[in-house]
Amino acid sequence: MSLIVPLGFVAFGLWWVLAPRSVMSFYRIFHRGRVALPQPAGIRIAGLIWLALFGVIILSHLHTGLSNT
């Protein structure tokens, strides 16, 4: 049960990395062409940054959790 939220964050980042055109289509629903969309490579990079940030947060949390025991 405690893994549902972290796996959701990982799935979100993987969606950006693996299916950037799907992310672009989803984004278009909310903005109706008023905003210039980035290239798929830019979305992939943002997804990788998201996964790296989440990885650092998880590792930091695990490190502080282990040092407190």
N, C-alpha and C. Protein backbone atom coordinates (compact mmCIF):
# COMPACT_ATOMS: atom_id res chain seq x y z
N MET A 1 0.82 -1.19 0.00
CA MET A 1 0.00 0.00 0.00
C MET A 1 0.86 1.25 0.00
N SER A 2 2.01 1.20 0.68
CA SER A 2 2.85 2.39 0.77
C SER A 2 3.64 2.64 -0.51
N LEU A 3 3.62 1.72 -1.45
CA LEU A 3 4.33 1.91 -2.71
C LEU A 3 3.47 2.53 -3.80
N ILE A 4 2.19 2.69 -3.58
CA ILE A 4 1.30 3.18 -4.62
C ILE A 4 1.68 4.60 -5.05
N VAL A 5 1.89 5.49 -4.13
CA VAL A 5 2.22 6.88 -4.47
C VAL A 5 3.58 6.97 -5.16
N PRO A 6 4.64 6.38 -4.62
CA PRO A 6 5.92 6.46 -5.34
C PRO A 6 5.86 5.85 -6.73
N LEU A 7 5.16 4.75 -6.88
CA LEU A 7 5.04 4.14 -8.21
C LEU A 7 4.25 5.03 -9.15
N GLY A 8 3.30 5.78 -8.63
CA GLY A 8 2.57 6.73 -9.45
C GLY A 8 3.49 7.83 -9.97
N PHE A 9 4.37 8.33 -9.13
CA PHE A 9 5.33 9.36 -9.56
C PHE A 9 6.29 8.80 -10.61
N VAL A 10 6.73 7.56 -10.42
CA VAL A 10 7.62 6.93 -11.40
C VAL A 10 6.88 6.71 -12.71
N ALA A 11 5.64 6.25 -12.64
CA ALA A 11 4.85 6.03 -13.85
C ALA A 11 4.64 7.34 -14.61
N PHE A 12 4.42 8.43 -13.89
CA PHE A 12 4.26 9.74 -14.52
C PHE A 12 5.51 10.12 -15.30
N GLY A 13 6.67 9.97 -14.70
CA GLY A 13 7.92 10.28 -15.38
C GLY A 13 8.17 9.37 -16.56
N LEU A 14 7.88 8.08 -16.40
CA LEU A 14 8.06 7.14 -17.50
C LEU A 14 7.12 7.44 -18.66
N TRP A 15 5.92 7.89 -18.37
CA TRP A 15 4.98 8.28 -19.42
C TRP A 15 5.61 9.40 -20.26
N TRP A 16 6.20 10.37 -19.62
CA TRP A 16 6.84 11.48 -20.34
C TRP A 16 8.01 10.99 -21.18
N VAL A 17 8.78 10.04 -20.66
CA VAL A 17 9.96 9.54 -21.37
C VAL A 17 9.56 8.62 -22.52
N LEU A 18 8.62 7.73 -22.28
CA LEU A 18 8.29 6.69 -23.26
C LEU A 18 7.23 7.10 -24.28
N ALA A 19 6.37 8.04 -23.96
CA ALA A 19 5.28 8.41 -24.86
C ALA A 19 5.10 9.93 -24.92
N PRO A 20 6.09 10.65 -25.42
CA PRO A 20 5.99 12.11 -25.40
C PRO A 20 4.86 12.65 -26.28
N ARG A 21 4.53 11.97 -27.38
CA ARG A 21 3.44 12.44 -28.23
C ARG A 21 2.09 12.30 -27.52
N SER A 22 1.96 11.30 -26.69
CA SER A 22 0.75 11.14 -25.90
C SER A 22 0.63 12.27 -24.87
N VAL A 23 1.75 12.66 -24.30
CA VAL A 23 1.76 13.78 -23.35
C VAL A 23 1.35 15.06 -24.08
N MET A 24 1.86 15.24 -25.30
CA MET A 24 1.52 16.42 -26.08
C MET A 24 0.03 16.45 -26.40
N SER A 25 -0.54 15.31 -26.75
CA SER A 25 -1.97 15.24 -27.04
C SER A 25 -2.80 15.57 -25.80
N PHE A 26 -2.38 15.06 -24.66
CA PHE A 26 -3.08 15.35 -23.41
C PHE A 26 -3.00 16.83 -23.08
N TYR A 27 -1.83 17.44 -23.29
CA TYR A 27 -1.62 18.85 -23.00
C TYR A 27 -2.49 19.72 -23.90
N ARG A 28 -2.65 19.31 -25.16
CA ARG A 28 -3.47 20.07 -26.11
C ARG A 28 -4.94 20.15 -25.67
N ILE A 29 -5.42 19.17 -24.96
CA ILE A 29 -6.81 19.17 -24.48
C ILE A 29 -7.07 20.41 -23.62
N PHE A 30 -6.10 20.79 -22.82
CA PHE A 30 -6.28 21.89 -21.87
C PHE A 30 -5.94 23.26 -22.45
N HIS A 31 -5.12 23.30 -23.48
CA HIS A 31 -4.66 24.60 -23.99
C HIS A 31 -5.16 24.93 -25.39
N ARG A 32 -5.73 24.03 -26.09
CA ARG A 32 -6.37 24.24 -27.40
C ARG A 32 -5.51 25.04 -28.36
N GLY A 33 -4.23 24.71 -28.44
CA GLY A 33 -3.36 25.32 -29.42
C GLY A 33 -2.88 26.72 -29.12
N ARG A 34 -3.20 27.27 -27.98
CA ARG A 34 -2.78 28.64 -27.64
C ARG A 34 -1.32 28.72 -27.22
N VAL A 35 -0.72 27.58 -26.89
CA VAL A 35 0.65 27.56 -26.40
C VAL A 35 1.48 26.69 -27.33
N ALA A 36 2.68 27.14 -27.66
CA ALA A 36 3.57 26.33 -28.49
C ALA A 36 4.08 25.14 -27.68
N LEU A 37 3.93 23.97 -28.25
CA LEU A 37 4.37 22.76 -27.57
C LEU A 37 5.84 22.48 -27.87
N PRO A 38 6.56 21.93 -26.92
CA PRO A 38 7.97 21.59 -27.16
C PRO A 38 8.08 20.36 -28.07
N GLN A 39 9.26 20.09 -28.52
CA GLN A 39 9.54 18.90 -29.31
C GLN A 39 9.48 17.67 -28.40
N PRO A 40 9.22 16.48 -28.98
CA PRO A 40 9.21 15.26 -28.15
C PRO A 40 10.49 15.05 -27.35
N ALA A 41 11.63 15.44 -27.92
CA ALA A 41 12.89 15.29 -27.18
C ALA A 41 12.89 16.13 -25.91
N GLY A 42 12.31 17.32 -25.98
CA GLY A 42 12.23 18.17 -24.80
C GLY A 42 11.36 17.57 -23.71
N ILE A 43 10.28 16.91 -24.13
CA ILE A 43 9.40 16.25 -23.16
C ILE A 43 10.12 15.07 -22.53
N ARG A 44 10.88 14.33 -23.34
CA ARG A 44 11.66 13.21 -22.79
C ARG A 44 12.68 13.70 -21.77
N ILE A 45 13.36 14.79 -22.08
CA ILE A 45 14.34 15.34 -21.14
C ILE A 45 13.66 15.76 -19.84
N ALA A 46 12.50 16.40 -19.95
CA ALA A 46 11.75 16.79 -18.75
C ALA A 46 11.36 15.56 -17.93
N GLY A 47 10.98 14.48 -18.61
CA GLY A 47 10.65 13.24 -17.91
C GLY A 47 11.86 12.65 -17.20
N LEU A 48 13.01 12.70 -17.86
CA LEU A 48 14.23 12.20 -17.22
C LEU A 48 14.62 13.05 -16.01
N ILE A 49 14.44 14.36 -16.14
CA ILE A 49 14.71 15.24 -15.00
C ILE A 49 13.75 14.92 -13.85
N TRP A 50 12.48 14.69 -14.19
CA TRP A 50 11.48 14.32 -13.18
C TRP A 50 11.90 13.04 -12.44
N LEU A 51 12.31 12.02 -13.21
CA LEU A 51 12.72 10.75 -12.60
C LEU A 51 13.98 10.93 -11.75
N ALA A 52 14.92 11.74 -12.22
CA ALA A 52 16.14 11.97 -11.44
C ALA A 52 15.82 12.70 -10.14
N LEU A 53 14.97 13.72 -10.22
CA LEU A 53 14.57 14.46 -9.02
C LEU A 53 13.88 13.53 -8.03
N PHE A 54 12.97 12.72 -8.52
CA PHE A 54 12.26 11.80 -7.64
C PHE A 54 13.22 10.77 -7.03
N GLY A 55 14.18 10.32 -7.84
CA GLY A 55 15.18 9.38 -7.32
C GLY A 55 16.01 9.99 -6.20
N VAL A 56 16.41 11.24 -6.37
CA VAL A 56 17.18 11.92 -5.32
C VAL A 56 16.34 12.08 -4.06
N ILE A 57 15.08 12.42 -4.22
CA ILE A 57 14.20 12.57 -3.06
C ILE A 57 14.04 11.25 -2.32
N ILE A 58 13.82 10.18 -3.07
CA ILE A 58 13.66 8.85 -2.44
C ILE A 58 14.95 8.42 -1.75
N LEU A 59 16.09 8.59 -2.43
CA LEU A 59 17.36 8.22 -1.81
C LEU A 59 17.64 9.05 -0.56
N SER A 60 17.32 10.32 -0.60
CA SER A 60 17.49 11.18 0.57
C SER A 60 16.60 10.71 1.71
N HIS A 61 15.37 10.37 1.38
CA HIS A 61 14.44 9.89 2.39
C HIS A 61 14.92 8.57 2.99
N LEU A 62 15.38 7.67 2.15
CA LEU A 62 15.89 6.39 2.65
C LEU A 62 17.13 6.59 3.51
N HIS A 63 18.00 7.50 3.10
CA HIS A 63 19.23 7.75 3.86
C HIS A 63 18.90 8.32 5.24
N THR A 64 18.01 9.29 5.32
CA THR A 64 17.67 9.86 6.61
C THR A 64 16.88 8.86 7.45
N GLY A 65 16.08 8.04 6.79
CA GLY A 65 15.33 7.01 7.53
C GLY A 65 16.24 5.96 8.11
N LEU A 66 17.30 5.60 7.39
CA LEU A 66 18.24 4.60 7.89
C LEU A 66 19.14 5.17 8.99
N SER A 67 19.48 6.44 8.92
CA SER A 67 20.35 7.02 9.94
C SER A 67 19.61 7.28 11.24
N ASN A 68 18.28 7.34 11.20
CA ASN A 68 17.51 7.57 12.42
C ASN A 68 17.25 6.29 13.20
N THR A 69 17.54 5.14 12.62
CA THR A 69 17.27 3.89 13.33
C THR A 69 18.47 3.38 14.05
